[in-house]
Amino acid sequence: MPREIALGDALVPGLLILFVVALLVLWLFDSIAGRFGLYRLIWHPPLFRLAVFVCVFGAFALLLL
């Protein structure tokens, strides 16, 4: 994956695209986990969501290297 992506006349960092993709993956995971009641088993759901986001974004960022 290129380090910068041209959108129109602007160069957008690849990490920004991965950040948006990670947010979409988190939103999908959050809706599935909420539907099946996973958050009833977790002590602090917002902290869990943040941890999942960091893991997903980190995994995507490592793919950029």
N, C-alpha and C. Protein backbone atom coordinates (compact mmCIF):
# COMPACT_ATOMS: atom_id res chain seq x y z
N MET A 1 0.85 -1.17 0.00
CA MET A 1 0.00 0.00 0.00
C MET A 1 0.90 1.23 0.00
N PRO A 2 0.57 2.21 -0.83
CA PRO A 2 1.39 3.41 -0.87
C PRO A 2 1.28 4.22 0.43
N ARG A 3 2.30 4.96 0.75
CA ARG A 3 2.31 5.76 1.98
C ARG A 3 1.33 6.92 1.90
N GLU A 4 1.16 7.47 0.72
CA GLU A 4 0.20 8.56 0.53
C GLU A 4 -0.68 8.23 -0.66
N ILE A 5 -1.95 8.61 -0.54
CA ILE A 5 -2.92 8.31 -1.58
C ILE A 5 -3.46 9.64 -2.10
N ALA A 6 -3.52 9.79 -3.40
CA ALA A 6 -4.01 11.02 -4.00
C ALA A 6 -5.53 10.95 -4.13
N LEU A 7 -6.21 11.86 -3.43
CA LEU A 7 -7.66 12.01 -3.57
C LEU A 7 -7.90 13.38 -4.19
N GLY A 8 -8.22 13.37 -5.46
CA GLY A 8 -8.33 14.65 -6.15
C GLY A 8 -6.94 15.25 -6.30
N ASP A 9 -6.76 16.45 -5.78
CA ASP A 9 -5.46 17.09 -5.81
C ASP A 9 -4.74 17.01 -4.47
N ALA A 10 -5.33 16.37 -3.50
CA ALA A 10 -4.73 16.30 -2.16
C ALA A 10 -4.10 14.94 -1.91
N LEU A 11 -2.95 14.97 -1.27
CA LEU A 11 -2.31 13.73 -0.86
C LEU A 11 -2.76 13.42 0.57
N VAL A 12 -3.34 12.25 0.75
CA VAL A 12 -3.87 11.83 2.05
C VAL A 12 -2.97 10.73 2.57
N PRO A 13 -2.55 10.82 3.83
CA PRO A 13 -1.72 9.75 4.37
C PRO A 13 -2.47 8.42 4.40
N GLY A 14 -1.72 7.36 4.17
CA GLY A 14 -2.34 6.03 4.19
C GLY A 14 -2.89 5.66 5.54
N LEU A 15 -2.26 6.20 6.61
CA LEU A 15 -2.75 5.90 7.96
C LEU A 15 -4.14 6.48 8.19
N LEU A 16 -4.45 7.61 7.55
CA LEU A 16 -5.78 8.20 7.71
C LEU A 16 -6.84 7.28 7.11
N ILE A 17 -6.52 6.70 5.96
CA ILE A 17 -7.45 5.75 5.33
C ILE A 17 -7.61 4.53 6.23
N LEU A 18 -6.50 4.05 6.79
CA LEU A 18 -6.59 2.89 7.68
C LEU A 18 -7.35 3.21 8.96
N PHE A 19 -7.22 4.45 9.44
CA PHE A 19 -7.96 4.88 10.62
C PHE A 19 -9.47 4.81 10.37
N VAL A 20 -9.89 5.29 9.21
CA VAL A 20 -11.31 5.26 8.87
C VAL A 20 -11.79 3.82 8.70
N VAL A 21 -10.97 2.98 8.07
CA VAL A 21 -11.33 1.56 7.90
C VAL A 21 -11.42 0.88 9.26
N ALA A 22 -10.49 1.21 10.17
CA ALA A 22 -10.53 0.62 11.51
C ALA A 22 -11.78 1.06 12.26
N LEU A 23 -12.20 2.31 12.07
CA LEU A 23 -13.44 2.77 12.69
C LEU A 23 -14.64 2.00 12.16
N LEU A 24 -14.65 1.73 10.85
CA LEU A 24 -15.75 0.96 10.26
C LEU A 24 -15.76 -0.47 10.79
N VAL A 25 -14.58 -1.08 10.92
CA VAL A 25 -14.50 -2.44 11.46
C VAL A 25 -14.97 -2.44 12.92
N LEU A 26 -14.57 -1.42 13.68
CA LEU A 26 -15.01 -1.32 15.07
C LEU A 26 -16.52 -1.16 15.15
N TRP A 27 -17.09 -0.34 14.27
CA TRP A 27 -18.53 -0.14 14.27
C TRP A 27 -19.26 -1.46 13.96
N LEU A 28 -18.73 -2.21 13.00
CA LEU A 28 -19.32 -3.51 12.67
C LEU A 28 -19.21 -4.47 13.84
N PHE A 29 -18.02 -4.55 14.45
CA PHE A 29 -17.83 -5.43 15.61
C PHE A 29 -18.72 -5.00 16.77
N ASP A 30 -18.85 -3.68 16.98
CA ASP A 30 -19.67 -3.17 18.08
C ASP A 30 -21.14 -3.54 17.89
N SER A 31 -21.62 -3.43 16.66
CA SER A 31 -23.03 -3.78 16.42
C SER A 31 -23.27 -5.28 16.60
N ILE A 32 -22.33 -6.10 16.17
CA ILE A 32 -22.47 -7.55 16.35
C ILE A 32 -22.37 -7.92 17.82
N ALA A 33 -21.41 -7.34 18.54
CA ALA A 33 -21.25 -7.64 19.97
C ALA A 33 -22.46 -7.17 20.77
N GLY A 34 -23.01 -6.03 20.41
CA GLY A 34 -24.20 -5.54 21.10
C GLY A 34 -25.41 -6.41 20.82
N ARG A 35 -25.51 -6.90 19.61
CA ARG A 35 -26.66 -7.75 19.25
C ARG A 35 -26.65 -9.07 20.02
N PHE A 36 -25.46 -9.63 20.23
CA PHE A 36 -25.36 -10.91 20.93
C PHE A 36 -25.13 -10.77 22.43
N GLY A 37 -25.12 -9.56 22.95
CA GLY A 37 -25.02 -9.36 24.38
C GLY A 37 -23.65 -9.59 24.97
N LEU A 38 -22.61 -9.38 24.18
CA LEU A 38 -21.25 -9.58 24.67
C LEU A 38 -20.89 -8.57 25.74
N TYR A 39 -21.46 -7.38 25.66
CA TYR A 39 -21.08 -6.31 26.59
C TYR A 39 -21.61 -6.55 28.00
N ARG A 40 -22.53 -7.48 28.18
CA ARG A 40 -22.98 -7.81 29.54
C ARG A 40 -21.89 -8.54 30.31
N LEU A 41 -20.95 -9.17 29.59
CA LEU A 41 -19.89 -9.95 30.21
C LEU A 41 -18.61 -9.15 30.44
N ILE A 42 -18.57 -7.92 29.95
CA ILE A 42 -17.36 -7.11 30.01
C ILE A 42 -17.50 -6.07 31.09
N TRP A 43 -16.42 -5.87 31.85
CA TRP A 43 -16.46 -4.98 33.01
C TRP A 43 -16.65 -3.53 32.59
N HIS A 44 -15.89 -3.05 31.61
CA HIS A 44 -15.94 -1.65 31.21
C HIS A 44 -16.04 -1.58 29.68
N PRO A 45 -17.24 -1.56 29.12
CA PRO A 45 -17.39 -1.61 27.66
C PRO A 45 -16.67 -0.51 26.89
N PRO A 46 -16.68 0.77 27.33
CA PRO A 46 -15.94 1.77 26.53
C PRO A 46 -14.44 1.49 26.48
N LEU A 47 -13.89 1.02 27.58
CA LEU A 47 -12.47 0.69 27.59
C LEU A 47 -12.19 -0.50 26.68
N PHE A 48 -13.10 -1.46 26.66
CA PHE A 48 -12.96 -2.61 25.77
C PHE A 48 -13.02 -2.17 24.31
N ARG A 49 -13.94 -1.24 23.99
CA ARG A 49 -14.04 -0.74 22.61
C ARG A 49 -12.76 -0.03 22.20
N LEU A 50 -12.20 0.76 23.11
CA LEU A 50 -10.95 1.45 22.81
C LEU A 50 -9.83 0.45 22.57
N ALA A 51 -9.76 -0.58 23.39
CA ALA A 51 -8.71 -1.60 23.24
C ALA A 51 -8.87 -2.33 21.91
N VAL A 52 -10.10 -2.65 21.54
CA VAL A 52 -10.32 -3.33 20.25
C VAL A 52 -9.92 -2.42 19.11
N PHE A 53 -10.25 -1.13 19.23
CA PHE A 53 -9.88 -0.19 18.17
C PHE A 53 -8.36 -0.09 18.04
N VAL A 54 -7.67 0.00 19.16
CA VAL A 54 -6.21 0.10 19.11
C VAL A 54 -5.61 -1.16 18.47
N CYS A 55 -6.15 -2.32 18.81
CA CYS A 55 -5.66 -3.56 18.22
C CYS A 55 -5.91 -3.61 16.72
N VAL A 56 -7.11 -3.23 16.31
CA VAL A 56 -7.45 -3.28 14.87
C VAL A 56 -6.63 -2.26 14.09
N PHE A 57 -6.53 -1.04 14.62
CA PHE A 57 -5.77 0.00 13.93
C PHE A 57 -4.28 -0.37 13.90
N GLY A 58 -3.77 -0.92 14.97
CA GLY A 58 -2.38 -1.35 14.99
C GLY A 58 -2.11 -2.45 13.99
N ALA A 59 -3.03 -3.39 13.87
CA ALA A 59 -2.85 -4.47 12.90
C ALA A 59 -2.88 -3.92 11.47
N PHE A 60 -3.79 -3.00 11.20
CA PHE A 60 -3.84 -2.39 9.87
C PHE A 60 -2.59 -1.56 9.59
N ALA A 61 -2.11 -0.85 10.61
CA ALA A 61 -0.91 -0.02 10.42
C ALA A 61 0.31 -0.89 10.17
N LEU A 62 0.39 -2.04 10.80
CA LEU A 62 1.51 -2.94 10.54
C LEU A 62 1.45 -3.50 9.13
N LEU A 63 0.25 -3.61 8.58
CA LEU A 63 0.15 -4.06 7.18
C LEU A 63 0.67 -2.99 6.23
N LEU A 64 0.65 -1.73 6.66
CA LEU A 64 1.13 -0.64 5.81
C LEU A 64 2.65 -0.69 5.67
N LEU A 65 3.34 -1.23 6.68
CA LEU A 65 4.81 -1.27 6.63
C LEU A 65 5.29 -2.17 5.57
